[in-house]
Amino acid sequence: MTKLTSSTGRALPFTVQLNELTPDRFIDYYQSDRQFIDNMLLVSGAVKFSGVEINTPTVFEHIVHSISNKFLNYVDGNSPRVKLSDSVYTSTEYDQSQVITMHNELSYSAKWPNKLFFTCLTPAESGGETLLADSREILQAMNKDIVDEIEARGLLYIRNLHGGDGMGPSWQDTFETTDKQELETYCKKHNISFEWTDQDSLRLKQSARGIISHRSTGEKVWFNQADQFHPLHLGREMVEVLELMYGTPEYFPMYVSYGDGKEISVDTVQEILQTIAGVTLAPVWKKNELLVIDNELAAHGRNPFTGDRKVLVAMTE
């Protein structure tokens, strides 16, 4: 069995090879060995179990509901995905020819999941790996000047969500509601600044630290989506297209600045992208695997792919 290791020597993910366990036998195994699994998750940031019989969304849901609790929905999520049940979604439904850049799920939000559960029902013909990077390693590798500026200023995430006709997600899909009052109540509760604009569109501004201490270990980790919210990750040509379409960056579908409004330079975003790419690993998906990620300790993304690919995800507090 091939092990992927980060430059720190940590296996990422730490892989447990099982002998084609049925769902209920796997649940028994997981519950009996939970302390070891939890410890390895804190050491590695991600644990993958190979040899677990998972062939439908219902089986996946049964497993994750049996080994975890306090599931989160994807309300306030910034990427398109299909909701299959109260707690199970497809992974991001994004152009298969494009990379999904590395991120910690909902790191721009006031509330994010602690654990992510993934399984692959249909591996891609080629590519399609769920990319992984150790958030501690990203922080260590990052230019200290960038780290210091983010720690001092924080980040401000800006989203412009259309009302049903426009580029990017609508506010109805993002918040899983058509009730504006319900949406406004959610925003107020989670300290999201909101403004209704022309054509039933919505502008959101969310402040975040960008670098945090892990909830249980206290380790400092890179925890943000600055590069993903900046259009540079789509290429310089797309930045020019967005400028022609929307004018100033505040009107882009997504944008990011420092917390005090100072612009993050293109060179800084490029350096962030390159630094994270340098510590990113690409474990290959096979059928009958369950991947558990500590969302604060490991960032994830996706490689482009060909053919069909079906990956499911569930999130817990």
Protein backbone atom coordinates (compact mmCIF):
# COMPACT_ATOMS: atom_id res chain seq x y z
CA MET A 1 0.00 0.00 0.00
CA THR A 2 1.37 3.41 -1.02
CA LYS A 3 1.34 6.09 1.67
CA LEU A 4 1.22 9.78 0.87
CA THR A 5 3.19 11.86 3.34
CA SER A 6 3.56 15.59 3.80
CA SER A 7 6.96 17.21 4.17
CA THR A 8 6.54 16.89 7.94
CA GLY A 9 6.40 13.10 7.52
CA ARG A 10 2.72 12.85 8.50
CA ALA A 11 0.68 10.38 6.46
CA LEU A 12 -2.07 12.33 4.69
CA PRO A 13 -4.48 10.72 4.81
CA PHE A 14 -3.61 8.09 7.39
CA THR A 15 -4.99 4.99 5.66
CA VAL A 16 -6.60 1.99 7.35
CA GLN A 17 -6.96 -1.05 5.07
CA LEU A 18 -9.96 -3.19 6.04
CA ASN A 19 -11.15 -6.53 4.73
CA GLU A 20 -14.35 -5.58 2.83
CA LEU A 21 -16.44 -4.89 5.89
CA THR A 22 -20.20 -4.60 5.62
CA PRO A 23 -21.57 -1.23 6.78
CA ASP A 24 -22.67 -2.56 10.18
CA ARG A 25 -19.40 -4.40 10.79
CA PHE A 26 -17.51 -1.21 9.94
CA ILE A 27 -19.68 0.76 12.37
CA ASP A 28 -18.87 -1.76 15.12
CA TYR A 29 -15.16 -1.52 14.29
CA TYR A 30 -15.20 2.30 14.28
CA GLN A 31 -17.02 2.55 17.59
CA SER A 32 -14.74 0.01 19.27
CA ASP A 33 -11.57 1.79 18.04
CA ARG A 34 -12.84 5.38 18.21
CA GLN A 35 -10.09 6.65 20.54
CA PHE A 36 -7.32 5.48 18.21
CA ILE A 37 -9.12 6.91 15.17
CA ASP A 38 -9.69 10.26 16.87
CA ASN A 39 -6.03 10.40 17.87
CA MET A 40 -4.86 9.65 14.34
CA LEU A 41 -7.20 12.31 12.99
CA LEU A 42 -5.51 14.87 15.24
CA VAL A 43 -2.04 13.69 14.19
CA SER A 44 -2.68 13.39 10.45
CA GLY A 45 -5.65 15.68 9.79
CA ALA A 46 -7.42 13.05 7.67
CA VAL A 47 -8.10 9.30 7.95
CA LYS A 48 -9.20 7.10 5.05
CA PHE A 49 -10.76 3.67 5.49
CA SER A 50 -10.45 1.32 2.51
CA GLY A 51 -12.57 -1.80 2.24
CA VAL A 52 -15.91 -0.48 3.52
CA GLU A 53 -18.93 -1.54 1.48
CA ILE A 54 -20.53 1.78 0.47
CA ASN A 55 -22.55 1.62 -2.75
CA THR A 56 -25.46 4.06 -2.29
CA PRO A 57 -26.12 7.44 -0.64
CA THR A 58 -28.41 5.66 1.83
CA VAL A 59 -25.60 3.36 3.00
CA PHE A 60 -23.23 6.33 3.32
CA GLU A 61 -25.81 8.20 5.39
CA HIS A 62 -26.39 5.14 7.60
CA ILE A 63 -22.66 4.87 8.32
CA VAL A 64 -21.99 8.53 9.09
CA HIS A 65 -25.12 8.82 11.22
CA SER A 66 -23.98 5.78 13.22
CA ILE A 67 -20.45 7.05 13.91
CA SER A 68 -21.17 10.76 14.36
CA ASN A 69 -23.90 13.25 15.25
CA LYS A 70 -24.86 16.94 15.15
CA PHE A 71 -24.89 17.15 11.37
CA LEU A 72 -24.72 20.51 9.62
CA ASN A 73 -26.51 21.55 6.46
CA TYR A 74 -24.79 23.60 3.76
CA VAL A 75 -26.69 26.83 4.42
CA ASP A 76 -24.40 29.80 3.61
CA GLY A 77 -22.22 27.58 1.42
CA ASN A 78 -20.51 29.23 -1.55
CA SER A 79 -20.28 26.31 -3.98
CA PRO A 80 -22.97 24.53 -6.02
CA ARG A 81 -23.96 21.07 -4.82
CA VAL A 82 -27.04 18.83 -4.72
CA LYS A 83 -28.76 18.09 -1.42
CA LEU A 84 -29.59 14.37 -1.33
CA SER A 85 -30.99 14.24 2.22
CA ASP A 86 -31.01 16.32 5.40
CA SER A 87 -27.30 15.65 5.95
CA VAL A 88 -25.83 14.27 2.68
CA TYR A 89 -24.79 16.36 -0.31
CA THR A 90 -22.91 15.75 -3.52
CA SER A 91 -19.44 17.25 -3.52
CA THR A 92 -19.14 20.58 -5.34
CA GLU A 93 -20.82 20.50 -8.76
CA TYR A 94 -18.17 22.54 -10.54
CA ASP A 95 -16.81 22.43 -14.10
CA GLN A 96 -14.93 19.13 -14.28
CA SER A 97 -12.18 20.69 -16.39
CA GLN A 98 -11.22 23.06 -13.56
CA VAL A 99 -9.34 22.67 -10.28
CA ILE A 100 -11.24 23.43 -7.09
CA THR A 101 -8.62 25.27 -5.08
CA MET A 102 -7.71 24.25 -1.56
CA HIS A 103 -9.96 25.44 1.26
CA ASN A 104 -11.27 24.66 4.71
CA GLU A 105 -15.04 24.24 4.46
CA LEU A 106 -17.02 27.38 5.41
CA SER A 107 -13.89 29.01 6.84
CA TYR A 108 -15.30 32.38 5.76
CA SER A 109 -18.38 31.83 7.93
CA ALA A 110 -19.02 32.34 11.63
CA LYS A 111 -19.95 28.64 11.86
CA TRP A 112 -18.04 25.84 10.18
CA PRO A 113 -18.02 22.03 10.40
CA ASN A 114 -15.40 20.31 12.53
CA LYS A 115 -15.44 17.05 10.56
CA LEU A 116 -16.12 16.21 6.92
CA PHE A 117 -17.04 12.71 5.69
CA PHE A 118 -16.49 11.79 2.03
CA THR A 119 -17.04 8.70 -0.07
CA CYS A 120 -16.66 8.06 -3.79
CA LEU A 121 -19.44 6.00 -5.37
CA THR A 122 -18.09 6.47 -8.91
CA PRO A 123 -14.37 7.20 -9.37
CA ALA A 124 -13.50 9.40 -12.35
CA GLU A 125 -12.07 7.91 -15.52
CA SER A 126 -8.98 10.02 -14.84
CA GLY A 127 -8.15 12.68 -12.24
CA GLY A 128 -10.83 13.82 -9.82
CA GLU A 129 -8.75 13.29 -6.69
CA THR A 130 -9.93 15.02 -3.53
CA LEU A 131 -6.78 17.04 -2.81
CA LEU A 132 -5.46 17.36 0.74
CA ALA A 133 -3.04 19.70 2.48
CA ASP A 134 -2.10 19.96 6.15
CA SER A 135 -3.27 23.36 7.45
CA ARG A 136 -0.38 23.44 9.93
CA GLU A 137 2.09 22.81 7.12
CA ILE A 138 0.52 25.51 4.95
CA LEU A 139 1.02 28.01 7.75
CA GLN A 140 4.65 26.97 8.27
CA ALA A 141 5.40 27.20 4.55
CA MET A 142 3.65 30.54 4.03
CA ASN A 143 5.60 33.80 3.70
CA LYS A 144 5.78 35.24 7.22
CA ASP A 145 4.86 38.70 5.96
CA ILE A 146 1.59 37.33 4.55
CA VAL A 147 0.84 35.50 7.79
CA ASP A 148 1.56 38.59 9.89
CA GLU A 149 -0.68 40.80 7.74
CA ILE A 150 -3.61 38.39 7.88
CA GLU A 151 -3.22 37.98 11.64
CA ALA A 152 -3.12 41.76 12.10
CA ARG A 153 -5.90 42.73 9.68
CA GLY A 154 -8.11 39.65 9.35
CA LEU A 155 -10.12 39.07 6.17
CA LEU A 156 -13.38 40.39 4.71
CA TYR A 157 -15.28 38.09 2.36
CA ILE A 158 -17.72 39.70 -0.09
CA ARG A 159 -20.42 37.87 -2.03
CA ASN A 160 -23.02 39.16 -4.45
CA LEU A 161 -25.81 36.62 -4.79
CA HIS A 162 -28.36 37.06 -7.55
CA GLY A 163 -32.09 36.50 -7.09
CA GLY A 164 -32.38 33.75 -9.68
CA ASP A 165 -30.74 35.09 -12.83
CA GLY A 166 -26.99 35.76 -12.89
CA MET A 167 -23.47 34.37 -12.50
CA GLY A 168 -22.75 32.18 -9.51
CA PRO A 169 -25.23 30.89 -6.92
CA SER A 170 -28.51 32.56 -6.03
CA TRP A 171 -29.33 33.61 -2.48
CA GLN A 172 -32.21 31.11 -2.53
CA ASP A 173 -29.88 28.18 -3.25
CA THR A 174 -27.17 29.46 -0.90
CA PHE A 175 -29.49 29.73 2.10
CA GLU A 176 -31.92 26.97 1.11
CA THR A 177 -34.92 29.30 1.46
CA THR A 178 -37.04 31.74 -0.51
CA ASP A 179 -38.05 33.61 2.66
CA LYS A 180 -36.14 36.90 2.93
CA GLN A 181 -37.02 37.34 6.60
CA GLU A 182 -35.65 33.90 7.42
CA LEU A 183 -32.46 34.78 5.54
CA GLU A 184 -32.08 38.12 7.34
CA THR A 185 -32.60 36.43 10.71
CA TYR A 186 -29.81 33.97 9.88
CA CYS A 187 -27.47 36.77 8.82
CA LYS A 188 -28.09 38.78 11.99
CA LYS A 189 -27.54 35.71 14.16
CA HIS A 190 -24.19 34.97 12.48
CA ASN A 191 -22.92 38.57 12.19
CA ILE A 192 -23.17 38.68 8.40
CA SER A 193 -23.63 42.17 7.00
CA PHE A 194 -26.30 42.12 4.27
CA GLU A 195 -27.73 44.56 1.77
CA TRP A 196 -30.49 44.05 -0.78
CA THR A 197 -29.44 45.50 -4.14
CA ASP A 198 -30.93 45.83 -7.63
CA GLN A 199 -32.91 43.01 -9.24
CA ASP A 200 -33.55 41.16 -5.97
CA SER A 201 -29.83 40.56 -5.44
CA LEU A 202 -28.04 40.34 -2.11
CA ARG A 203 -24.61 41.60 -1.04
CA LEU A 204 -22.99 39.86 1.94
CA LYS A 205 -19.89 40.84 3.91
CA GLN A 206 -18.35 38.47 6.44
CA SER A 207 -15.34 39.11 8.66
CA ALA A 208 -13.01 36.25 9.58
CA ARG A 209 -9.64 35.81 11.26
CA GLY A 210 -7.99 33.76 8.52
CA ILE A 211 -5.60 32.07 10.97
CA ILE A 212 -6.99 30.29 14.02
CA SER A 213 -6.01 27.96 16.85
CA HIS A 214 -7.35 24.42 16.59
CA ARG A 215 -10.38 23.91 18.82
CA SER A 216 -8.81 21.10 20.89
CA THR A 217 -5.04 20.98 20.29
CA GLY A 218 -4.47 24.74 20.25
CA GLU A 219 -2.18 24.40 17.21
CA LYS A 220 -2.17 27.46 14.98
CA VAL A 221 -3.50 26.70 11.49
CA TRP A 222 -4.05 28.42 8.14
CA PHE A 223 -7.85 28.58 7.95
CA ASN A 224 -9.25 30.71 5.16
CA GLN A 225 -10.38 30.91 1.55
CA ALA A 226 -8.62 34.14 0.58
CA ASP A 227 -7.21 32.69 -2.65
CA GLN A 228 -10.50 30.96 -3.53
CA PHE A 229 -12.57 34.14 -3.12
CA HIS A 230 -10.12 36.13 -5.22
CA PRO A 231 -10.76 35.72 -8.98
CA LEU A 232 -7.05 35.24 -9.71
CA HIS A 233 -7.44 31.52 -9.02
CA LEU A 234 -9.54 31.40 -12.22
CA GLY A 235 -6.72 33.01 -14.22
CA ARG A 236 -5.75 36.57 -15.06
CA GLU A 237 -8.02 36.61 -18.11
CA MET A 238 -11.05 35.94 -15.88
CA VAL A 239 -10.09 38.86 -13.64
CA GLU A 240 -10.20 41.10 -16.71
CA VAL A 241 -13.56 39.65 -17.78
CA LEU A 242 -15.06 40.28 -14.34
CA GLU A 243 -13.75 43.84 -14.34
CA LEU A 244 -15.45 44.44 -17.68
CA MET A 245 -18.70 42.88 -16.48
CA TYR A 246 -18.95 44.31 -12.96
CA GLY A 247 -16.53 47.22 -12.72
CA THR A 248 -15.14 47.39 -9.19
CA PRO A 249 -14.32 44.18 -7.27
CA GLU A 250 -17.00 44.84 -4.64
CA TYR A 251 -19.59 43.88 -7.28
CA PHE A 252 -17.90 40.62 -8.33
CA PRO A 253 -19.86 37.44 -7.45
CA MET A 254 -17.10 36.74 -4.87
CA TYR A 255 -14.23 38.83 -3.60
CA VAL A 256 -11.95 39.19 -0.59
CA SER A 257 -9.95 41.97 1.03
CA TYR A 258 -8.16 42.41 4.32
CA GLY A 259 -10.54 42.93 7.20
CA ASP A 260 -10.02 46.70 7.21
CA GLY A 261 -10.82 46.94 3.49
CA LYS A 262 -7.23 47.08 2.26
CA GLU A 263 -6.82 45.31 -1.09
CA ILE A 264 -4.92 42.02 -1.18
CA SER A 265 -2.43 42.33 -4.02
CA VAL A 266 -2.47 39.97 -6.98
CA ASP A 267 1.13 39.03 -6.16
CA THR A 268 0.11 38.04 -2.64
CA VAL A 269 -2.76 35.88 -3.90
CA GLN A 270 -0.43 34.25 -6.43
CA GLU A 271 2.11 33.48 -3.70
CA ILE A 272 -0.61 31.97 -1.52
CA LEU A 273 -1.76 29.73 -4.38
CA GLN A 274 1.79 28.60 -5.15
CA THR A 275 2.68 27.95 -1.51
CA ILE A 276 -0.41 25.82 -0.90
CA ALA A 277 0.14 23.92 -4.16
CA GLY A 278 3.62 23.05 -2.94
CA VAL A 279 2.29 21.10 0.06
CA THR A 280 -0.81 19.58 -1.58
CA LEU A 281 -1.23 15.83 -2.04
CA ALA A 282 -3.58 13.95 -4.40
CA PRO A 283 -4.66 10.56 -3.00
CA VAL A 284 -6.52 8.52 -5.62
CA TRP A 285 -10.16 7.60 -5.04
CA LYS A 286 -11.31 3.98 -5.18
CA LYS A 287 -14.72 2.51 -4.48
CA ASN A 288 -15.61 1.42 -0.95
CA GLU A 289 -13.61 4.09 0.85
CA LEU A 290 -14.59 6.50 3.62
CA LEU A 291 -12.50 9.65 4.13
CA VAL A 292 -12.79 11.59 7.39
CA ILE A 293 -11.23 15.07 7.49
CA ASP A 294 -10.63 17.36 10.44
CA ASN A 295 -11.76 20.58 8.75
CA GLU A 296 -9.43 22.78 10.81
CA LEU A 297 -6.35 20.58 10.38
CA ALA A 298 -6.64 19.77 6.67
CA ALA A 299 -7.66 21.79 3.62
CA HIS A 300 -9.19 20.02 0.64
CA GLY A 301 -9.86 20.65 -3.04
CA ARG A 302 -10.40 18.71 -6.26
CA ASN A 303 -8.41 17.91 -9.37
CA PRO A 304 -9.97 18.18 -12.84
CA PHE A 305 -11.34 14.90 -14.18
CA THR A 306 -12.72 13.04 -17.15
CA GLY A 307 -15.69 10.68 -17.27
CA ASP A 308 -18.32 10.34 -14.57
CA ARG A 309 -17.51 11.04 -10.92
CA LYS A 310 -19.79 10.86 -7.90
CA VAL A 311 -18.49 11.89 -4.50
CA LEU A 312 -20.73 12.42 -1.47
CA VAL A 313 -20.10 14.55 1.62
CA ALA A 314 -21.59 15.03 5.07
CA MET A 315 -20.53 17.59 7.68
CA THR A 316 -20.69 17.55 11.47
CA GLU A 317 -20.12 20.05 14.27
